[in-house]
Amino acid sequence: MPRANIAWEARLASMKLLRDAYAAFNARDIDAALGTMHPDVVWPNGMEGGYVHGHDAVRAYWTRQWDVIDPHVEPRRFTTVEPGRVVVDVHQVVRDRAGAIVTDQMVQHVYVIEDGVIRRMEIRTPTPRTSSAGRRRGSRPRAASARGARGWRRG
């Protein structure tokens, strides 16, 4: 199989994996979401800062998170920046438990994918003049803080 086809198939597989992960997260199907991740995944803790490590820690984090807020994330654009590294532009809407919108914004999720599963994820907030597809050459999005100015990040 030609090299270009292999790269294209790898990109398609990554997009499917990530779409499945977002769908499972939004459906609150923790087991299905964890099925897209390496057992020792490194995942950002958008509420408390830092990272959690492994399936049990992600499960505990999401359970705490969903007791406090109701996040919904929709992937809008996938960009493979290098083999195994994908930037996803995401529309994130977070509601409090009463249903009021806490934050409605675009963020970037940066994934490392190894052996067909998510190994690591980071959250970034794109600057106003950048996106994963529209960045000027050589520029990189800045890292997001654990909390945004108005609310929680998806995690």
N, C-alpha and C. Protein backbone atom coordinates (compact mmCIF):
# COMPACT_ATOMS: atom_id res chain seq x y z
N MET A 1 0.86 -1.18 0.00
CA MET A 1 0.00 0.00 0.00
C MET A 1 0.90 1.24 0.00
N PRO A 2 0.62 2.20 -0.87
CA PRO A 2 1.43 3.42 -0.92
C PRO A 2 1.43 4.16 0.42
N ARG A 3 2.54 4.80 0.70
CA ARG A 3 2.74 5.52 1.97
C ARG A 3 1.65 6.56 2.22
N ALA A 4 1.23 7.31 1.19
CA ALA A 4 0.18 8.33 1.35
C ALA A 4 -1.13 7.71 1.80
N ASN A 5 -1.46 6.52 1.28
CA ASN A 5 -2.69 5.85 1.69
C ASN A 5 -2.63 5.41 3.15
N ILE A 6 -1.48 4.95 3.58
CA ILE A 6 -1.32 4.54 4.98
C ILE A 6 -1.52 5.74 5.89
N ALA A 7 -0.92 6.88 5.55
CA ALA A 7 -1.07 8.10 6.36
C ALA A 7 -2.53 8.55 6.38
N TRP A 8 -3.18 8.50 5.23
CA TRP A 8 -4.59 8.89 5.15
C TRP A 8 -5.46 7.98 6.01
N GLU A 9 -5.24 6.69 5.94
CA GLU A 9 -6.01 5.74 6.74
C GLU A 9 -5.77 5.95 8.23
N ALA A 10 -4.54 6.28 8.61
CA ALA A 10 -4.24 6.56 10.02
C ALA A 10 -4.99 7.80 10.48
N ARG A 11 -5.06 8.83 9.63
CA ARG A 11 -5.83 10.05 9.99
C ARG A 11 -7.31 9.74 10.15
N LEU A 12 -7.86 8.96 9.24
CA LEU A 12 -9.28 8.59 9.34
C LEU A 12 -9.55 7.78 10.61
N ALA A 13 -8.65 6.87 10.93
CA ALA A 13 -8.81 6.06 12.15
C ALA A 13 -8.75 6.94 13.40
N SER A 14 -7.86 7.92 13.40
CA SER A 14 -7.76 8.84 14.54
C SER A 14 -9.03 9.66 14.68
N MET A 15 -9.56 10.16 13.56
CA MET A 15 -10.80 10.94 13.60
C MET A 15 -11.95 10.11 14.13
N LYS A 16 -12.07 8.86 13.69
CA LYS A 16 -13.14 8.00 14.18
C LYS A 16 -12.99 7.74 15.68
N LEU A 17 -11.77 7.43 16.11
CA LEU A 17 -11.50 7.22 17.53
C LEU A 17 -11.94 8.42 18.36
N LEU A 18 -11.54 9.61 17.92
CA LEU A 18 -11.86 10.82 18.68
C LEU A 18 -13.34 11.15 18.63
N ARG A 19 -13.99 10.98 17.48
CA ARG A 19 -15.45 11.20 17.41
C ARG A 19 -16.17 10.25 18.37
N ASP A 20 -15.72 9.00 18.41
CA ASP A 20 -16.33 8.03 19.33
C ASP A 20 -16.12 8.46 20.79
N ALA A 21 -14.94 8.98 21.10
CA ALA A 21 -14.65 9.44 22.46
C ALA A 21 -15.55 10.61 22.84
N TYR A 22 -15.70 11.59 21.94
CA TYR A 22 -16.58 12.73 22.23
C TYR A 22 -18.03 12.29 22.39
N ALA A 23 -18.50 11.41 21.52
CA ALA A 23 -19.88 10.93 21.62
C ALA A 23 -20.11 10.21 22.95
N ALA A 24 -19.16 9.39 23.36
CA ALA A 24 -19.30 8.67 24.64
C ALA A 24 -19.28 9.65 25.81
N PHE A 25 -18.39 10.64 25.77
CA PHE A 25 -18.34 11.64 26.84
C PHE A 25 -19.67 12.38 26.94
N ASN A 26 -20.20 12.86 25.82
CA ASN A 26 -21.45 13.61 25.83
C ASN A 26 -22.63 12.75 26.27
N ALA A 27 -22.57 11.45 26.02
CA ALA A 27 -23.63 10.52 26.44
C ALA A 27 -23.42 10.06 27.89
N ARG A 28 -22.32 10.49 28.49
CA ARG A 28 -21.95 10.09 29.86
C ARG A 28 -21.73 8.58 29.97
N ASP A 29 -21.23 8.00 28.88
CA ASP A 29 -20.92 6.57 28.84
C ASP A 29 -19.43 6.42 29.14
N ILE A 30 -19.10 6.39 30.42
CA ILE A 30 -17.70 6.36 30.84
C ILE A 30 -16.98 5.14 30.29
N ASP A 31 -17.61 3.97 30.34
CA ASP A 31 -16.93 2.76 29.86
C ASP A 31 -16.56 2.86 28.39
N ALA A 32 -17.47 3.36 27.56
CA ALA A 32 -17.18 3.51 26.13
C ALA A 32 -16.07 4.55 25.92
N ALA A 33 -16.11 5.64 26.66
CA ALA A 33 -15.06 6.66 26.53
C ALA A 33 -13.71 6.09 26.94
N LEU A 34 -13.67 5.38 28.05
CA LEU A 34 -12.41 4.80 28.50
C LEU A 34 -11.90 3.75 27.51
N GLY A 35 -12.80 3.13 26.78
CA GLY A 35 -12.40 2.16 25.76
C GLY A 35 -11.60 2.77 24.63
N THR A 36 -11.62 4.09 24.49
CA THR A 36 -10.85 4.77 23.45
C THR A 36 -9.47 5.18 23.96
N MET A 37 -9.19 4.89 25.25
CA MET A 37 -7.98 5.39 25.90
C MET A 37 -7.07 4.26 26.34
N HIS A 38 -5.79 4.57 26.35
CA HIS A 38 -4.78 3.67 26.90
C HIS A 38 -5.04 3.50 28.40
N PRO A 39 -4.80 2.32 28.96
CA PRO A 39 -5.04 2.12 30.41
C PRO A 39 -4.29 3.12 31.29
N ASP A 40 -3.13 3.62 30.82
CA ASP A 40 -2.36 4.60 31.59
C ASP A 40 -2.46 6.00 30.98
N VAL A 41 -3.61 6.33 30.42
CA VAL A 41 -3.83 7.63 29.78
C VAL A 41 -3.49 8.77 30.74
N VAL A 42 -3.00 9.86 30.17
CA VAL A 42 -2.75 11.09 30.91
C VAL A 42 -3.81 12.08 30.45
N TRP A 43 -4.67 12.54 31.40
CA TRP A 43 -5.85 13.33 31.05
C TRP A 43 -5.88 14.61 31.86
N PRO A 44 -6.19 15.76 31.24
CA PRO A 44 -6.19 17.02 31.99
C PRO A 44 -7.36 17.09 32.96
N ASN A 45 -7.07 17.61 34.14
CA ASN A 45 -8.10 17.87 35.14
C ASN A 45 -8.45 19.35 35.03
N GLY A 46 -9.48 19.64 34.25
CA GLY A 46 -9.86 21.02 33.98
C GLY A 46 -10.49 21.73 35.15
N MET A 47 -10.94 21.01 36.17
CA MET A 47 -11.56 21.65 37.33
C MET A 47 -10.55 22.01 38.41
N GLU A 48 -9.62 21.11 38.67
CA GLU A 48 -8.72 21.28 39.80
C GLU A 48 -7.28 21.54 39.38
N GLY A 49 -7.01 21.42 38.10
CA GLY A 49 -5.66 21.64 37.59
C GLY A 49 -4.87 20.35 37.54
N GLY A 50 -3.80 20.37 36.78
CA GLY A 50 -2.94 19.20 36.66
C GLY A 50 -3.54 18.14 35.76
N TYR A 51 -3.11 16.91 35.97
CA TYR A 51 -3.54 15.79 35.16
C TYR A 51 -3.92 14.63 36.06
N VAL A 52 -4.80 13.77 35.55
CA VAL A 52 -5.09 12.49 36.19
C VAL A 52 -4.49 11.41 35.31
N HIS A 53 -4.18 10.25 35.92
CA HIS A 53 -3.47 9.19 35.22
C HIS A 53 -4.22 7.88 35.34
N GLY A 54 -4.59 7.31 34.20
CA GLY A 54 -5.21 6.00 34.17
C GLY A 54 -6.72 6.03 34.20
N HIS A 55 -7.31 4.90 33.82
CA HIS A 55 -8.77 4.77 33.71
C HIS A 55 -9.49 5.08 35.01
N ASP A 56 -9.01 4.54 36.13
CA ASP A 56 -9.71 4.76 37.40
C ASP A 56 -9.73 6.23 37.78
N ALA A 57 -8.63 6.92 37.55
CA ALA A 57 -8.56 8.35 37.89
C ALA A 57 -9.45 9.18 36.96
N VAL A 58 -9.51 8.84 35.67
CA VAL A 58 -10.39 9.56 34.74
C VAL A 58 -11.84 9.33 35.15
N ARG A 59 -12.19 8.09 35.47
CA ARG A 59 -13.56 7.78 35.90
C ARG A 59 -13.94 8.60 37.14
N ALA A 60 -13.06 8.65 38.13
CA ALA A 60 -13.33 9.40 39.36
C ALA A 60 -13.45 10.90 39.06
N TYR A 61 -12.56 11.41 38.23
CA TYR A 61 -12.59 12.83 37.87
C TYR A 61 -13.89 13.20 37.16
N TRP A 62 -14.26 12.42 36.15
CA TRP A 62 -15.50 12.73 35.42
C TRP A 62 -16.72 12.62 36.33
N THR A 63 -16.73 11.65 37.21
CA THR A 63 -17.86 11.50 38.14
C THR A 63 -17.98 12.75 39.02
N ARG A 64 -16.87 13.25 39.55
CA ARG A 64 -16.88 14.49 40.34
C ARG A 64 -17.33 15.67 39.48
N GLN A 65 -16.78 15.74 38.27
CA GLN A 65 -17.08 16.85 37.37
C GLN A 65 -18.58 16.91 37.06
N TRP A 66 -19.16 15.78 36.71
CA TRP A 66 -20.57 15.75 36.31
C TRP A 66 -21.52 15.97 37.47
N ASP A 67 -21.03 15.84 38.70
CA ASP A 67 -21.85 16.19 39.87
C ASP A 67 -21.97 17.71 40.01
N VAL A 68 -21.01 18.45 39.42
CA VAL A 68 -20.95 19.90 39.60
C VAL A 68 -21.42 20.65 38.35
N ILE A 69 -21.03 20.18 37.18
CA ILE A 69 -21.33 20.86 35.92
C ILE A 69 -21.81 19.87 34.87
N ASP A 70 -22.35 20.41 33.79
CA ASP A 70 -22.84 19.61 32.68
C ASP A 70 -22.15 20.08 31.39
N PRO A 71 -20.96 19.53 31.10
CA PRO A 71 -20.24 19.95 29.90
C PRO A 71 -20.70 19.19 28.66
N HIS A 72 -20.68 19.88 27.54
CA HIS A 72 -20.99 19.27 26.25
C HIS A 72 -19.93 19.78 25.26
N VAL A 73 -19.30 18.85 24.55
CA VAL A 73 -18.22 19.22 23.64
C VAL A 73 -18.49 18.64 22.26
N GLU A 74 -18.35 19.49 21.25
CA GLU A 74 -18.57 19.08 19.86
C GLU A 74 -17.33 19.37 19.04
N PRO A 75 -16.69 18.31 18.51
CA PRO A 75 -15.52 18.55 17.66
C PRO A 75 -15.94 19.23 16.36
N ARG A 76 -15.19 20.25 15.98
CA ARG A 76 -15.50 20.99 14.76
C ARG A 76 -14.47 20.79 13.66
N ARG A 77 -13.20 20.57 14.04
CA ARG A 77 -12.15 20.41 13.04
C ARG A 77 -11.03 19.55 13.63
N PHE A 78 -10.53 18.65 12.81
CA PHE A 78 -9.43 17.78 13.19
C PHE A 78 -8.22 18.13 12.32
N THR A 79 -7.07 18.33 12.96
CA THR A 79 -5.85 18.62 12.21
C THR A 79 -4.74 17.73 12.74
N THR A 80 -4.18 16.91 11.87
CA THR A 80 -3.03 16.09 12.25
C THR A 80 -1.79 16.96 12.09
N VAL A 81 -1.14 17.28 13.20
CA VAL A 81 0.03 18.16 13.14
C VAL A 81 1.31 17.38 12.95
N GLU A 82 1.29 16.10 13.29
CA GLU A 82 2.37 15.17 13.03
C GLU A 82 1.79 13.79 13.28
N PRO A 83 2.42 12.74 12.81
CA PRO A 83 1.85 11.40 13.03
C PRO A 83 1.60 11.14 14.53
N GLY A 84 0.37 10.76 14.84
CA GLY A 84 0.02 10.45 16.22
C GLY A 84 -0.34 11.64 17.08
N ARG A 85 -0.35 12.84 16.52
CA ARG A 85 -0.69 14.06 17.29
C ARG A 85 -1.77 14.81 16.52
N VAL A 86 -2.93 14.96 17.16
CA VAL A 86 -4.09 15.56 16.50
C VAL A 86 -4.60 16.72 17.35
N VAL A 87 -4.84 17.86 16.69
CA VAL A 87 -5.45 19.01 17.34
C VAL A 87 -6.91 19.06 16.90
N VAL A 88 -7.81 19.16 17.87
CA VAL A 88 -9.24 19.22 17.58
C VAL A 88 -9.77 20.56 18.06
N ASP A 89 -10.35 21.34 17.14
CA ASP A 89 -11.07 22.55 17.51
C ASP A 89 -12.44 22.12 18.01
N VAL A 90 -12.78 22.53 19.23
CA VAL A 90 -13.96 22.02 19.91
C VAL A 90 -14.85 23.17 20.37
N HIS A 91 -16.16 23.05 20.09
CA HIS A 91 -17.13 23.98 20.66
C HIS A 91 -17.56 23.39 22.00
N GLN A 92 -17.29 24.13 23.06
CA GLN A 92 -17.55 23.66 24.43
C GLN A 92 -18.63 24.52 25.07
N VAL A 93 -19.69 23.88 25.53
CA VAL A 93 -20.74 24.56 26.28
C VAL A 93 -20.82 23.87 27.63
N VAL A 94 -20.67 24.66 28.69
CA VAL A 94 -20.73 24.13 30.05
C VAL A 94 -21.90 24.80 30.76
N ARG A 95 -22.75 23.97 31.34
CA ARG A 95 -23.90 24.46 32.10
C ARG A 95 -23.73 24.09 33.56
N ASP A 96 -24.30 24.93 34.44
CA ASP A 96 -24.32 24.54 35.84
C ASP A 96 -25.43 23.51 36.03
N ARG A 97 -25.58 22.98 37.21
CA ARG A 97 -26.56 21.92 37.44
C ARG A 97 -27.99 22.42 37.28
N ALA A 98 -28.22 23.73 37.33
CA ALA A 98 -29.55 24.29 37.12
C ALA A 98 -29.83 24.51 35.64
N GLY A 99 -28.83 24.32 34.78
CA GLY A 99 -29.03 24.47 33.34
C GLY A 99 -28.55 25.80 32.75
N ALA A 100 -28.08 26.71 33.59
CA ALA A 100 -27.59 28.00 33.10
C ALA A 100 -26.22 27.82 32.46
N ILE A 101 -25.99 28.51 31.35
CA ILE A 101 -24.70 28.42 30.67
C ILE A 101 -23.64 29.14 31.49
N VAL A 102 -22.58 28.41 31.79
CA VAL A 102 -21.43 28.95 32.52
C VAL A 102 -20.39 29.45 31.52
N THR A 103 -20.19 28.68 30.46
CA THR A 103 -19.25 29.08 29.42
C THR A 103 -19.68 28.48 28.08
N ASP A 104 -19.44 29.23 27.03
CA ASP A 104 -19.73 28.81 25.66
C ASP A 104 -18.58 29.34 24.83
N GLN A 105 -17.65 28.45 24.45
CA GLN A 105 -16.43 28.92 23.80
C GLN A 105 -15.82 27.84 22.92
N MET A 106 -14.87 28.26 22.12
CA MET A 106 -14.05 27.34 21.34
C MET A 106 -12.77 27.09 22.13
N VAL A 107 -12.37 25.83 22.17
CA VAL A 107 -11.10 25.44 22.77
C VAL A 107 -10.43 24.45 21.83
N GLN A 108 -9.20 24.13 22.12
CA GLN A 108 -8.50 23.10 21.37
C GLN A 108 -8.11 21.97 22.30
N HIS A 109 -8.33 20.76 21.85
CA HIS A 109 -7.87 19.57 22.54
C HIS A 109 -6.76 18.97 21.69
N VAL A 110 -5.63 18.71 22.31
CA VAL A 110 -4.48 18.16 21.62
C VAL A 110 -4.28 16.74 22.12
N TYR A 111 -4.33 15.79 21.21
CA TYR A 111 -4.25 14.37 21.55
C TYR A 111 -2.96 13.76 21.04
N VAL A 112 -2.44 12.84 21.84
CA VAL A 112 -1.39 11.93 21.40
C VAL A 112 -2.05 10.57 21.30
N ILE A 113 -1.98 9.98 20.12
CA ILE A 113 -2.61 8.68 19.86
C ILE A 113 -1.50 7.69 19.56
N GLU A 114 -1.50 6.58 20.30
CA GLU A 114 -0.51 5.52 20.09
C GLU A 114 -1.22 4.19 20.03
N ASP A 115 -0.86 3.38 19.08
CA ASP A 115 -1.42 2.04 18.94
C ASP A 115 -2.95 2.04 18.91
N GLY A 116 -3.52 3.07 18.28
CA GLY A 116 -4.96 3.12 18.08
C GLY A 116 -5.78 3.57 19.28
N VAL A 117 -5.13 4.09 20.33
CA VAL A 117 -5.86 4.60 21.50
C VAL A 117 -5.26 5.94 21.94
N ILE A 118 -6.04 6.69 22.71
CA ILE A 118 -5.60 7.98 23.22
C ILE A 118 -4.62 7.74 24.36
N ARG A 119 -3.44 8.32 24.23
CA ARG A 119 -2.40 8.18 25.26
C ARG A 119 -2.36 9.39 26.17
N ARG A 120 -2.68 10.58 25.59
CA ARG A 120 -2.61 11.83 26.35
C ARG A 120 -3.50 12.87 25.69
N MET A 121 -4.03 13.78 26.53
CA MET A 121 -4.80 14.90 26.00
C MET A 121 -4.41 16.16 26.76
N GLU A 122 -4.37 17.28 26.05
CA GLU A 122 -4.12 18.60 26.63
C GLU A 122 -5.25 19.51 26.19
N ILE A 123 -5.52 20.53 26.99
CA ILE A 123 -6.51 21.55 26.63
C ILE A 123 -5.76 22.85 26.34
N ARG A 124 -6.09 23.47 25.22
CA ARG A 124 -5.51 24.77 24.86
C ARG A 124 -6.63 25.71 24.46
N THR A 125 -6.41 26.98 24.74
CA THR A 125 -7.33 28.00 24.29
C THR A 125 -6.67 28.71 23.12
N PRO A 126 -7.27 28.65 21.92
CA PRO A 126 -6.63 29.32 20.79
C PRO A 126 -6.70 30.83 20.95
N THR A 127 -5.68 31.50 20.46
CA THR A 127 -5.71 32.95 20.46
C THR A 127 -6.73 33.40 19.43
N PRO A 128 -7.25 34.63 19.50
CA PRO A 128 -8.30 35.07 18.58
C PRO A 128 -7.95 34.94 17.10
N ARG A 129 -6.68 35.04 16.74
CA ARG A 129 -6.30 35.00 15.33
C ARG A 129 -5.79 33.64 14.90
N THR A 130 -5.97 32.60 15.73
CA THR A 130 -5.45 31.29 15.36
C THR A 130 -6.52 30.23 15.48
N SER A 131 -6.31 29.15 14.80
CA SER A 131 -7.05 27.91 14.97
C SER A 131 -6.09 26.83 14.51
N SER A 132 -6.45 25.59 14.70
CA SER A 132 -5.52 24.53 14.29
C SER A 132 -5.26 24.57 12.79
N ALA A 133 -6.25 24.98 12.02
CA ALA A 133 -6.08 25.00 10.57
C ALA A 133 -5.57 26.36 10.09
N GLY A 134 -5.86 27.44 10.83
CA GLY A 134 -5.55 28.77 10.35
C GLY A 134 -4.35 29.42 10.98
N ARG A 135 -3.58 28.67 11.76
CA ARG A 135 -2.40 29.23 12.41
C ARG A 135 -1.39 29.69 11.38
N ARG A 136 -0.71 30.76 11.74
CA ARG A 136 0.42 31.16 10.92
C ARG A 136 1.51 30.13 11.07
N ARG A 137 2.26 29.93 10.06
CA ARG A 137 3.32 28.94 10.07
C ARG A 137 4.28 29.16 11.22
N GLY A 138 4.56 28.09 11.94
CA GLY A 138 5.52 28.18 13.04
C GLY A 138 4.92 28.61 14.35
N SER A 139 3.67 29.08 14.36
CA SER A 139 3.08 29.52 15.62
C SER A 139 2.39 28.34 16.29
N ARG A 140 2.26 28.42 17.59
CA ARG A 140 1.60 27.35 18.35
C ARG A 140 0.56 27.99 19.26
N PRO A 141 -0.58 27.32 19.48
CA PRO A 141 -1.56 27.87 20.40
C PRO A 141 -0.99 27.91 21.81
N ARG A 142 -1.45 28.88 22.59
CA ARG A 142 -0.95 28.98 23.96
C ARG A 142 -1.70 27.99 24.84
N ALA A 143 -1.04 27.54 25.87
CA ALA A 143 -1.67 26.58 26.79
C ALA A 143 -2.75 27.27 27.61
N ALA A 144 -3.82 26.55 27.90
CA ALA A 144 -4.92 27.08 28.69
C ALA A 144 -4.63 26.85 30.17
N SER A 145 -5.17 27.73 30.99
CA SER A 145 -5.10 27.51 32.42
C SER A 145 -6.13 26.45 32.80
N ALA A 146 -6.07 25.98 34.01
CA ALA A 146 -7.02 24.95 34.44
C ALA A 146 -8.45 25.46 34.37
N ARG A 147 -8.66 26.72 34.65
CA ARG A 147 -9.98 27.32 34.54
C ARG A 147 -9.91 28.50 33.59
N GLY A 148 -10.94 28.70 32.83
CA GLY A 148 -11.02 29.88 31.98
C GLY A 148 -11.53 31.04 32.79
N ALA A 149 -11.63 32.19 32.18
CA ALA A 149 -12.10 33.37 32.89
C ALA A 149 -13.54 33.22 33.38
N ARG A 150 -14.34 32.42 32.67
CA ARG A 150 -15.75 32.32 33.04
C ARG A 150 -16.16 30.93 33.50
N GLY A 151 -15.30 29.93 33.43
CA GLY A 151 -15.82 28.63 33.84
C GLY A 151 -14.84 27.49 33.65
N TRP A 152 -15.37 26.29 33.64
CA TRP A 152 -14.58 25.07 33.63
C TRP A 152 -14.23 24.66 32.20
N ARG A 153 -13.18 23.95 32.10
CA ARG A 153 -12.78 23.34 30.84
C ARG A 153 -13.26 21.90 30.82
N ARG A 154 -13.48 21.39 29.65
CA ARG A 154 -13.84 19.97 29.51
C ARG A 154 -12.64 19.14 29.93
N GLY A 155 -12.88 18.02 30.55
CA GLY A 155 -11.76 17.19 30.93
C GLY A 155 -12.08 15.76 30.89
